[in-house]
């Protein structure tokens, strides 16, 4: 991931609407999984988001989420999607899975590491 100063510069390039969406998503995640790490990646993180883009969000939890926590996060994020007419794509691995050798070798992991912005 990136340093705080670099993150601040990249977050500053986001539109106020994008920042609002991500603040609400982060709040929804933290309400149910306070220790989770929340990272935006993809076109929003690269500053290339268009009106047709979704918001790609990685949520890494210290341990696997139980079904009720996962459903609560999905429900709250769905409400945000409806309220703001956006699409949020969540990927929610536990830290052990995210930090595994297998995941570290994937193009997905490399892309998130290169462009992800920790919220």
Protein backbone atom coordinates (compact mmCIF):
# COMPACT_ATOMS: atom_id res chain seq x y z
CA UNK A 1 0.00 0.00 0.00
CA UNK A 2 1.10 3.59 0.15
CA UNK A 3 2.35 6.20 2.58
CA UNK A 4 -0.03 8.60 4.31
CA UNK A 5 1.23 11.62 2.33
CA UNK A 6 0.81 9.83 -1.00
CA UNK A 7 -2.64 8.60 0.08
CA UNK A 8 -3.65 12.17 0.95
CA UNK A 9 -2.60 13.43 -2.47
CA UNK A 10 -4.50 10.64 -4.24
CA UNK A 11 -7.61 11.01 -2.11
CA UNK A 12 -7.49 14.73 -2.86
CA UNK A 13 -7.81 13.96 -6.58
CA UNK A 14 -11.14 12.23 -6.04
CA UNK A 15 -14.33 14.12 -6.63
CA UNK A 16 -16.28 15.17 -3.55
CA UNK A 17 -18.96 12.66 -4.56
CA UNK A 18 -16.43 9.80 -4.78
CA UNK A 19 -15.04 10.75 -1.37
CA UNK A 20 -18.59 10.81 0.03
CA UNK A 21 -19.40 7.36 -1.37
CA UNK A 22 -16.21 5.88 0.03
CA UNK A 23 -16.69 7.54 3.41
CA UNK A 24 -20.14 5.96 3.66
CA UNK A 25 -18.86 2.55 2.56
CA UNK A 26 -16.02 2.73 5.07
CA UNK A 27 -18.49 3.67 7.80
CA UNK A 28 -20.74 0.72 6.91
CA UNK A 29 -17.80 -1.68 7.03
CA UNK A 30 -16.38 -0.31 10.27
CA UNK A 31 -19.80 -0.38 11.95
CA UNK A 32 -19.79 -4.17 11.66
CA UNK A 33 -16.06 -4.96 11.42
CA UNK A 34 -14.21 -2.21 13.31
CA UNK A 35 -10.77 -3.79 12.89
CA UNK A 36 -11.10 -4.22 9.12
CA UNK A 37 -8.68 -2.61 6.71
CA UNK A 38 -10.60 -0.86 3.90
CA UNK A 39 -8.84 -0.20 0.59
CA UNK A 40 -10.21 1.35 -2.60
CA UNK A 41 -8.57 0.13 -5.80
CA UNK A 42 -9.33 0.10 -9.51
CA UNK A 43 -10.37 3.09 -11.58
CA UNK A 44 -11.33 5.21 -8.56
CA UNK A 45 -7.89 4.78 -6.99
CA UNK A 46 -6.19 5.47 -10.32
CA UNK A 47 -8.20 8.67 -10.83
CA UNK A 48 -9.78 7.20 -13.98
CA UNK A 49 -13.32 6.62 -12.71
CA UNK A 50 -16.18 7.36 -15.13
CA UNK A 51 -19.93 7.53 -14.57
CA UNK A 52 -20.16 3.87 -15.58
CA UNK A 53 -17.44 2.71 -13.18
CA UNK A 54 -18.08 0.85 -9.98
CA UNK A 55 -16.26 1.42 -6.70
CA UNK A 56 -13.84 -1.46 -6.06
CA UNK A 57 -13.33 -1.94 -2.33
CA UNK A 58 -11.18 -4.50 -0.55
CA UNK A 59 -12.07 -5.27 3.07
CA UNK A 60 -9.42 -7.29 4.91
CA UNK A 61 -10.51 -8.58 8.31
CA UNK A 62 -8.23 -10.00 11.01
CA UNK A 63 -10.19 -13.26 11.01
CA UNK A 64 -12.81 -14.74 8.68
CA UNK A 65 -16.14 -12.91 8.89
CA UNK A 66 -19.10 -14.82 10.19
CA UNK A 67 -22.16 -14.96 7.99
CA UNK A 68 -24.14 -12.40 9.99
CA UNK A 69 -21.34 -9.80 9.80
CA UNK A 70 -20.89 -10.36 6.08
CA UNK A 71 -24.64 -10.03 5.49
CA UNK A 72 -24.84 -6.87 7.62
CA UNK A 73 -22.05 -5.22 5.64
CA UNK A 74 -23.59 -6.28 2.33
CA UNK A 75 -27.00 -4.97 3.44
CA UNK A 76 -25.62 -1.59 4.51
CA UNK A 77 -23.54 -1.21 1.35
CA UNK A 78 -26.57 -2.15 -0.76
CA UNK A 79 -28.52 0.65 0.94
CA UNK A 80 -25.72 3.06 -0.01
CA UNK A 81 -25.84 1.80 -3.60
CA UNK A 82 -29.57 2.44 -3.77
CA UNK A 83 -29.36 5.81 -2.05
CA UNK A 84 -26.54 7.15 -4.25
CA UNK A 85 -27.23 5.19 -7.47
CA UNK A 86 -23.75 3.63 -7.51
CA UNK A 87 -22.31 0.13 -7.67
CA UNK A 88 -19.85 -1.01 -5.01
CA UNK A 89 -17.89 -4.22 -5.57
CA UNK A 90 -16.65 -5.66 -2.29
CA UNK A 91 -13.96 -8.30 -1.90
CA UNK A 92 -13.68 -9.45 1.73
CA UNK A 93 -10.85 -11.88 2.52
CA UNK A 94 -9.49 -12.56 5.98
CA UNK A 95 -5.91 -11.41 6.58
CA UNK A 96 -4.55 -14.97 6.46
CA UNK A 97 -6.04 -15.47 3.01
CA UNK A 98 -4.98 -12.01 1.77
CA UNK A 99 -1.40 -12.53 3.02
CA UNK A 100 -1.06 -16.10 1.76
CA UNK A 101 1.64 -17.04 -0.72
CA UNK A 102 -1.01 -18.07 -3.22
CA UNK A 103 -2.81 -14.71 -3.08
CA UNK A 104 0.51 -12.84 -3.19
CA UNK A 105 1.20 -14.41 -6.57
CA UNK A 106 -2.03 -13.21 -8.19
CA UNK A 107 -2.34 -10.27 -10.59
CA UNK A 108 -5.25 -9.05 -8.44
CA UNK A 109 -3.06 -8.75 -5.34
CA UNK A 110 -0.29 -7.03 -7.29
CA UNK A 111 -2.77 -4.51 -8.74
CA UNK A 112 -4.25 -3.69 -5.33
CA UNK A 113 -0.77 -3.30 -3.86
CA UNK A 114 0.26 -0.99 -6.70
CA UNK A 115 -2.80 1.27 -6.83
CA UNK A 116 -4.79 0.70 -3.64
CA UNK A 117 -5.58 3.55 -1.30
CA UNK A 118 -6.18 2.62 2.33
CA UNK A 119 -9.16 4.51 3.71
